[in-house]
Amino acid sequence: NTSEYKEHWFSSSADDHQDLVGKTGKVITPLRPAGTILIEKDRLDVLTKGEFVAKGSVVEVVKVEGSKIIVREITS
């Protein structure tokens, strides 16, 4: 007799990624505008504001909107 409760799979606001704002990471898949970056040892699915960012580029997290992590490319 098993049942599933919402709290067993629900992602709380404690995991909202606000602590990532201002951190930089390396692009590991092209951002078109969505893709994956690496910050420290964490792989994160992110979005740009519509720009293409090539693999290997460095990006900064500029905003977190709910589950969306918004980044921008850092240029020298």
PDB file of N, CA and C in Angstrom:
ATOM      1  N   ASN A   1       0.830  -1.176   0.000  1.00  0.00           N
ATOM      2  CA  ASN A   1       0.000   0.000   0.000  1.00  0.00           C
ATOM      3  C   ASN A   1       0.882   1.249   0.000  1.00  0.00           C
ATOM      4  N   THR A   2       1.107   1.825  -1.156  1.00  0.00           N
ATOM      5  CA  THR A   2       1.940   3.023  -1.246  1.00  0.00           C
ATOM      6  C   THR A   2       1.151   4.165  -1.841  1.00  0.00           C
ATOM      7  N   SER A   3       1.527   5.331  -1.487  1.00  0.00           N
ATOM      8  CA  SER A   3       0.948   6.522  -2.100  1.00  0.00           C
ATOM      9  C   SER A   3       2.044   7.550  -2.268  1.00  0.00           C
ATOM     10  N   GLU A   4       1.859   8.407  -3.234  1.00  0.00           N
ATOM     11  CA  GLU A   4       2.844   9.444  -3.478  1.00  0.00           C
ATOM     12  C   GLU A   4       2.303  10.775  -2.997  1.00  0.00           C
ATOM     13  N   TYR A   5       3.120  11.488  -2.309  1.00  0.00           N
ATOM     14  CA  TYR A   5       2.744  12.793  -1.810  1.00  0.00           C
ATOM     15  C   TYR A   5       3.505  13.860  -2.573  1.00  0.00           C
ATOM     16  N   LYS A   6       2.868  14.971  -2.764  1.00  0.00           N
ATOM     17  CA  LYS A   6       3.460  16.087  -3.503  1.00  0.00           C
ATOM     18  C   LYS A   6       4.826  16.476  -2.942  1.00  0.00           C
ATOM     19  N   GLU A   7       4.981  16.465  -1.615  1.00  0.00           N
ATOM     20  CA  GLU A   7       6.238  16.904  -1.023  1.00  0.00           C
ATOM     21  C   GLU A   7       7.414  15.987  -1.352  1.00  0.00           C
ATOM     22  N   HIS A   8       7.161  14.792  -1.867  1.00  0.00           N
ATOM     23  CA  HIS A   8       8.252  13.885  -2.230  1.00  0.00           C
ATOM     24  C   HIS A   8       8.932  14.285  -3.535  1.00  0.00           C
ATOM     25  N   TRP A   9       8.234  15.024  -4.393  1.00  0.00           N
ATOM     26  CA  TRP A   9       8.840  15.410  -5.675  1.00  0.00           C
ATOM     27  C   TRP A   9       8.797  16.900  -5.911  1.00  0.00           C
ATOM     28  N   PHE A  10       8.183  17.635  -5.053  1.00  0.00           N
ATOM     29  CA  PHE A  10       8.038  19.071  -5.232  1.00  0.00           C
ATOM     30  C   PHE A  10       9.365  19.790  -4.992  1.00  0.00           C
ATOM     31  N   SER A  11       9.732  20.689  -5.891  1.00  0.00           N
ATOM     32  CA  SER A  11      10.948  21.494  -5.737  1.00  0.00           C
ATOM     33  C   SER A  11      10.595  22.780  -5.009  1.00  0.00           C
ATOM     34  N   SER A  12      11.141  22.958  -3.847  1.00  0.00           N
ATOM     35  CA  SER A  12      10.795  24.118  -3.030  1.00  0.00           C
ATOM     36  C   SER A  12      11.528  25.370  -3.485  1.00  0.00           C
ATOM     37  N   SER A  13      11.139  26.498  -2.939  1.00  0.00           N
ATOM     38  CA  SER A  13      11.774  27.757  -3.291  1.00  0.00           C
ATOM     39  C   SER A  13      13.214  27.828  -2.782  1.00  0.00           C
ATOM     40  N   ALA A  14      13.595  26.911  -1.897  1.00  0.00           N
ATOM     41  CA  ALA A  14      14.979  26.877  -1.419  1.00  0.00           C
ATOM     42  C   ALA A  14      15.934  26.521  -2.550  1.00  0.00           C
ATOM     43  N   ASP A  15      15.392  25.949  -3.636  1.00  0.00           N
ATOM     44  CA  ASP A  15      16.206  25.542  -4.774  1.00  0.00           C
ATOM     45  C   ASP A  15      15.949  26.476  -5.956  1.00  0.00           C
ATOM     46  N   ASP A  16      15.811  27.781  -5.697  1.00  0.00           N
ATOM     47  CA  ASP A  16      15.434  28.712  -6.754  1.00  0.00           C
ATOM     48  C   ASP A  16      16.612  29.312  -7.509  1.00  0.00           C
ATOM     49  N   HIS A  17      17.829  28.976  -7.162  1.00  0.00           N
ATOM     50  CA  HIS A  17      19.041  29.379  -7.883  1.00  0.00           C
ATOM     51  C   HIS A  17      19.363  30.860  -7.813  1.00  0.00           C
ATOM     52  N   GLN A  18      18.731  31.626  -6.938  1.00  0.00           N
ATOM     53  CA  GLN A  18      19.043  33.053  -6.825  1.00  0.00           C
ATOM     54  C   GLN A  18      20.510  33.277  -6.463  1.00  0.00           C
ATOM     55  N   ASP A  19      21.119  32.310  -5.789  1.00  0.00           N
ATOM     56  CA  ASP A  19      22.531  32.444  -5.403  1.00  0.00           C
ATOM     57  C   ASP A  19      23.473  32.414  -6.601  1.00  0.00           C
ATOM     58  N   LEU A  20      22.969  32.047  -7.785  1.00  0.00           N
ATOM     59  CA  LEU A  20      23.807  31.984  -8.982  1.00  0.00           C
ATOM     60  C   LEU A  20      24.004  33.343  -9.647  1.00  0.00           C
ATOM     61  N   VAL A  21      23.152  34.309  -9.355  1.00  0.00           N
ATOM     62  CA  VAL A  21      23.243  35.623 -10.003  1.00  0.00           C
ATOM     63  C   VAL A  21      24.619  36.227  -9.725  1.00  0.00           C
ATOM     64  N   GLY A  22      25.297  36.613 -10.809  1.00  0.00           N
ATOM     65  CA  GLY A  22      26.637  37.187 -10.708  1.00  0.00           C
ATOM     66  C   GLY A  22      27.755  36.176 -10.912  1.00  0.00           C
ATOM     67  N   LYS A  23      27.441  34.893 -10.856  1.00  0.00           N
ATOM     68  CA  LYS A  23      28.474  33.869 -11.055  1.00  0.00           C
ATOM     69  C   LYS A  23      28.722  33.662 -12.545  1.00  0.00           C
ATOM     70  N   THR A  24      29.928  33.191 -12.855  1.00  0.00           N
ATOM     71  CA  THR A  24      30.282  32.922 -14.246  1.00  0.00           C
ATOM     72  C   THR A  24      30.454  31.431 -14.459  1.00  0.00           C
ATOM     73  N   GLY A  25      30.250  31.034 -15.710  1.00  0.00           N
ATOM     74  CA  GLY A  25      30.402  29.632 -16.063  1.00  0.00           C
ATOM     75  C   GLY A  25      30.828  29.480 -17.502  1.00  0.00           C
ATOM     76  N   LYS A  26      31.165  28.254 -17.870  1.00  0.00           N
ATOM     77  CA  LYS A  26      31.621  27.943 -19.229  1.00  0.00           C
ATOM     78  C   LYS A  26      30.511  27.236 -19.998  1.00  0.00           C
ATOM     79  N   VAL A  27      30.303  27.669 -21.235  1.00  0.00           N
ATOM     80  CA  VAL A  27      29.276  27.084 -22.096  1.00  0.00           C
ATOM     81  C   VAL A  27      29.768  25.720 -22.584  1.00  0.00           C
ATOM     82  N   ILE A  28      28.974  24.668 -22.313  1.00  0.00           N
ATOM     83  CA  ILE A  28      29.381  23.328 -22.751  1.00  0.00           C
ATOM     84  C   ILE A  28      28.536  22.799 -23.909  1.00  0.00           C
ATOM     85  N   THR A  29      27.422  23.459 -24.202  1.00  0.00           N
ATOM     86  CA  THR A  29      26.679  23.222 -25.444  1.00  0.00           C
ATOM     87  C   THR A  29      26.319  24.599 -25.989  1.00  0.00           C
ATOM     88  N   PRO A  30      26.267  24.779 -27.293  1.00  0.00           N
ATOM     89  CA  PRO A  30      25.912  26.094 -27.826  1.00  0.00           C
ATOM     90  C   PRO A  30      24.581  26.577 -27.242  1.00  0.00           C
ATOM     91  N   LEU A  31      24.510  27.867 -26.932  1.00  0.00           N
ATOM     92  CA  LEU A  31      23.263  28.458 -26.447  1.00  0.00           C
ATOM     93  C   LEU A  31      22.556  29.067 -27.645  1.00  0.00           C
ATOM     94  N   ARG A  32      21.368  28.508 -28.009  1.00  0.00           N
ATOM     95  CA  ARG A  32      20.666  28.906 -29.239  1.00  0.00           C
ATOM     96  C   ARG A  32      19.213  29.265 -29.024  1.00  0.00           C
ATOM     97  N   PRO A  33      18.694  29.939 -28.175  1.00  0.00           N
ATOM     98  CA  PRO A  33      19.325  30.588 -27.040  1.00  0.00           C
ATOM     99  C   PRO A  33      19.407  29.698 -25.807  1.00  0.00           C
ATOM    100  N   ALA A  34      18.869  28.489 -25.853  1.00  0.00           N
ATOM    101  CA  ALA A  34      18.947  27.594 -24.689  1.00  0.00           C
ATOM    102  C   ALA A  34      20.116  26.635 -24.842  1.00  0.00           C
ATOM    103  N   GLY A  35      20.673  26.214 -23.717  1.00  0.00           N
ATOM    104  CA  GLY A  35      21.768  25.259 -23.731  1.00  0.00           C
ATOM    105  C   GLY A  35      22.237  24.976 -22.321  1.00  0.00           C
ATOM    106  N   THR A  36      23.431  24.421 -22.218  1.00  0.00           N
ATOM    107  CA  THR A  36      23.951  23.983 -20.932  1.00  0.00           C
ATOM    108  C   THR A  36      25.288  24.650 -20.644  1.00  0.00           C
ATOM    109  N   ILE A  37      25.454  25.059 -19.373  1.00  0.00           N
ATOM    110  CA  ILE A  37      26.718  25.628 -18.922  1.00  0.00           C
ATOM    111  C   ILE A  37      27.214  24.853 -17.712  1.00  0.00           C
ATOM    112  N   LEU A  38      28.461  25.091 -17.371  1.00  0.00           N
ATOM    113  CA  LEU A  38      29.071  24.471 -16.200  1.00  0.00           C
ATOM    114  C   LEU A  38      29.535  25.581 -15.269  1.00  0.00           C
ATOM    115  N   ILE A  39      28.998  25.590 -14.045  1.00  0.00           N
ATOM    116  CA  ILE A  39      29.454  26.505 -12.994  1.00  0.00           C
ATOM    117  C   ILE A  39      29.975  25.619 -11.881  1.00  0.00           C
ATOM    118  N   GLU A  40      31.283  25.756 -11.625  1.00  0.00           N
ATOM    119  CA  GLU A  40      31.977  24.875 -10.690  1.00  0.00           C
ATOM    120  C   GLU A  40      31.767  23.439 -11.168  1.00  0.00           C
ATOM    121  N   LYS A  41      31.070  22.596 -10.444  1.00  0.00           N
ATOM    122  CA  LYS A  41      30.842  21.213 -10.891  1.00  0.00           C
ATOM    123  C   LYS A  41      29.393  20.974 -11.277  1.00  0.00           C
ATOM    124  N   ASP A  42      28.594  22.051 -11.380  1.00  0.00           N
ATOM    125  CA  ASP A  42      27.168  21.926 -11.666  1.00  0.00           C
ATOM    126  C   ASP A  42      26.854  22.227 -13.123  1.00  0.00           C
ATOM    127  N   ARG A  43      26.161  21.283 -13.765  1.00  0.00           N
ATOM    128  CA  ARG A  43      25.645  21.496 -15.117  1.00  0.00           C
ATOM    129  C   ARG A  43      24.277  22.141 -14.982  1.00  0.00           C
ATOM    130  N   LEU A  44      24.074  23.253 -15.689  1.00  0.00           N
ATOM    131  CA  LEU A  44      22.820  23.984 -15.594  1.00  0.00           C
ATOM    132  C   LEU A  44      22.245  24.260 -16.972  1.00  0.00           C
ATOM    133  N   ASP A  45      20.943  24.074 -17.114  1.00  0.00           N
ATOM    134  CA  ASP A  45      20.238  24.453 -18.334  1.00  0.00           C
ATOM    135  C   ASP A  45      19.902  25.930 -18.213  1.00  0.00           C
ATOM    136  N   VAL A  46      20.299  26.710 -19.216  1.00  0.00           N
ATOM    137  CA  VAL A  46      20.149  28.162 -19.161  1.00  0.00           C
ATOM    138  C   VAL A  46      19.587  28.706 -20.462  1.00  0.00           C
ATOM    139  N   LEU A  47      19.265  29.993 -20.441  1.00  0.00           N
ATOM    140  CA  LEU A  47      18.778  30.724 -21.612  1.00  0.00           C
ATOM    141  C   LEU A  47      19.543  32.030 -21.749  1.00  0.00           C
ATOM    142  N   THR A  48      19.690  32.498 -22.992  1.00  0.00           N
ATOM    143  CA  THR A  48      20.146  33.863 -23.223  1.00  0.00           C
ATOM    144  C   THR A  48      18.901  34.683 -23.534  1.00  0.00           C
ATOM    145  N   LYS A  49      19.067  35.969 -23.753  1.00  0.00           N
ATOM    146  CA  LYS A  49      17.933  36.819 -24.132  1.00  0.00           C
ATOM    147  C   LYS A  49      17.710  36.786 -25.645  1.00  0.00           C
ATOM    148  N   GLY A  50      18.117  35.702 -26.279  1.00  0.00           N
ATOM    149  CA  GLY A  50      17.920  35.537 -27.712  1.00  0.00           C
ATOM    150  C   GLY A  50      19.207  35.424 -28.500  1.00  0.00           C
ATOM    151  N   GLU A  51      20.334  35.723 -27.859  1.00  0.00           N
ATOM    152  CA  GLU A  51      21.616  35.687 -28.555  1.00  0.00           C
ATOM    153  C   GLU A  51      22.144  34.255 -28.664  1.00  0.00           C
ATOM    154  N   PHE A  52      22.931  34.003 -29.713  1.00  0.00           N
ATOM    155  CA  PHE A  52      23.676  32.755 -29.847  1.00  0.00           C
ATOM    156  C   PHE A  52      24.989  32.916 -29.102  1.00  0.00           C
ATOM    157  N   VAL A  53      25.357  31.915 -28.311  1.00  0.00           N
ATOM    158  CA  VAL A  53      26.647  31.918 -27.627  1.00  0.00           C
ATOM    159  C   VAL A  53      27.319  30.584 -27.915  1.00  0.00           C
ATOM    160  N   ALA A  54      28.535  30.630 -28.428  1.00  0.00           N
ATOM    161  CA  ALA A  54      29.256  29.438 -28.845  1.00  0.00           C
ATOM    162  C   ALA A  54      29.780  28.621 -27.661  1.00  0.00           C
ATOM    163  N   LYS A  55      29.932  27.326 -27.908  1.00  0.00           N
ATOM    164  CA  LYS A  55      30.534  26.416 -26.931  1.00  0.00           C
ATOM    165  C   LYS A  55      31.930  26.923 -26.572  1.00  0.00           C
ATOM    166  N   GLY A  56      32.281  26.857 -25.282  1.00  0.00           N
ATOM    167  CA  GLY A  56      33.586  27.311 -24.829  1.00  0.00           C
ATOM    168  C   GLY A  56      33.607  28.754 -24.347  1.00  0.00           C
ATOM    169  N   SER A  57      32.554  29.508 -24.645  1.00  0.00           N
ATOM    170  CA  SER A  57      32.480  30.897 -24.196  1.00  0.00           C
ATOM    171  C   SER A  57      32.240  30.956 -22.690  1.00  0.00           C
ATOM    172  N   VAL A  58      32.474  32.130 -22.130  1.00  0.00           N
ATOM    173  CA  VAL A  58      32.214  32.361 -20.706  1.00  0.00           C
ATOM    174  C   VAL A  58      30.985  33.245 -20.598  1.00  0.00           C
ATOM    175  N   VAL A  59      30.072  32.867 -19.700  1.00  0.00           N
ATOM    176  CA  VAL A  59      28.844  33.622 -19.495  1.00  0.00           C
ATOM    177  C   VAL A  59      28.677  33.965 -18.020  1.00  0.00           C
ATOM    178  N   GLU A  60      27.845  34.967 -17.766  1.00  0.00           N
ATOM    179  CA  GLU A  60      27.507  35.374 -16.402  1.00  0.00           C
ATOM    180  C   GLU A  60      25.999  35.224 -16.217  1.00  0.00           C
ATOM    181  N   VAL A  61      25.599  34.720 -15.059  1.00  0.00           N
ATOM    182  CA  VAL A  61      24.179  34.632 -14.735  1.00  0.00           C
ATOM    183  C   VAL A  61      23.719  36.038 -14.359  1.00  0.00           C
ATOM    184  N   VAL A  62      22.730  36.555 -15.109  1.00  0.00           N
ATOM    185  CA  VAL A  62      22.256  37.912 -14.864  1.00  0.00           C
ATOM    186  C   VAL A  62      20.900  37.957 -14.181  1.00  0.00           C
ATOM    187  N   LYS A  63      20.131  36.863 -14.277  1.00  0.00           N
ATOM    188  CA  LYS A  63      18.781  36.892 -13.719  1.00  0.00           C
ATOM    189  C   LYS A  63      18.263  35.473 -13.554  1.00  0.00           C
ATOM    190  N   VAL A  64      17.448  35.267 -12.538  1.00  0.00           N
ATOM    191  CA  VAL A  64      16.748  33.998 -12.365  1.00  0.00           C
ATOM    192  C   VAL A  64      15.268  34.331 -12.258  1.00  0.00           C
ATOM    193  N   GLU A  65      14.476  33.740 -13.156  1.00  0.00           N
ATOM    194  CA  GLU A  65      13.025  33.958 -13.185  1.00  0.00           C
ATOM    195  C   GLU A  65      12.345  32.614 -13.010  1.00  0.00           C
ATOM    196  N   GLY A  66      11.939  32.305 -11.795  1.00  0.00           N
ATOM    197  CA  GLY A  66      11.349  30.993 -11.537  1.00  0.00           C
ATOM    198  C   GLY A  66      12.384  29.920 -11.792  1.00  0.00           C
ATOM    199  N   SER A  67      12.102  29.033 -12.755  1.00  0.00           N
ATOM    200  CA  SER A  67      13.058  27.976 -13.073  1.00  0.00           C
ATOM    201  C   SER A  67      14.000  28.357 -14.217  1.00  0.00           C
ATOM    202  N   LYS A  68      13.844  29.558 -14.775  1.00  0.00           N
ATOM    203  CA  LYS A  68      14.691  30.007 -15.877  1.00  0.00           C
ATOM    204  C   LYS A  68      15.931  30.721 -15.349  1.00  0.00           C
ATOM    205  N   ILE A  69      17.084  30.316 -15.856  1.00  0.00           N
ATOM    206  CA  ILE A  69      18.349  30.952 -15.507  1.00  0.00           C
ATOM    207  C   ILE A  69      18.812  31.700 -16.760  1.00  0.00           C
ATOM    208  N   ILE A  70      18.887  33.027 -16.675  1.00  0.00           N
ATOM    209  CA  ILE A  70      19.232  33.872 -17.809  1.00  0.00           C
ATOM    210  C   ILE A  70      20.695  34.277 -17.717  1.00  0.00           C
ATOM    211  N   VAL A  71      21.429  34.107 -18.843  1.00  0.00           N
ATOM    212  CA  VAL A  71      22.850  34.423 -18.878  1.00  0.00           C
ATOM    213  C   VAL A  71      23.169  35.383 -20.010  1.00  0.00           C
ATOM    214  N   ARG A  72      24.358  36.014 -19.903  1.00  0.00           N
ATOM    215  CA  ARG A  72      24.872  36.832 -21.009  1.00  0.00           C
ATOM    216  C   ARG A  72      26.340  36.494 -21.187  1.00  0.00           C
ATOM    217  N   GLU A  73      26.801  36.592 -22.435  1.00  0.00           N
ATOM    218  CA  GLU A  73      28.204  36.299 -22.730  1.00  0.00           C
ATOM    219  C   GLU A  73      29.083  37.412 -22.185  1.00  0.00           C
ATOM    220  N   ILE A  74      30.225  37.006 -21.624  1.00  0.00           N
ATOM    221  CA  ILE A  74      31.228  37.960 -21.165  1.00  0.00           C
ATOM    222  C   ILE A  74      32.280  38.071 -22.266  1.00  0.00           C
ATOM    223  N   THR A  75      32.472  39.304 -22.752  1.00  0.00           N
ATOM    224  CA  THR A  75      33.463  39.529 -23.794  1.00  0.00           C
ATOM    225  C   THR A  75      34.625  40.322 -23.216  1.00  0.00           C
ATOM    226  N   SER A  76      35.803  40.067 -23.743  1.00  0.00           N
ATOM    227  CA  SER A  76      37.010  40.735 -23.230  1.00  0.00           C
ATOM    228  C   SER A  76      37.081  42.173 -23.650  1.00  0.00           C
TER     229      SER A  76
END
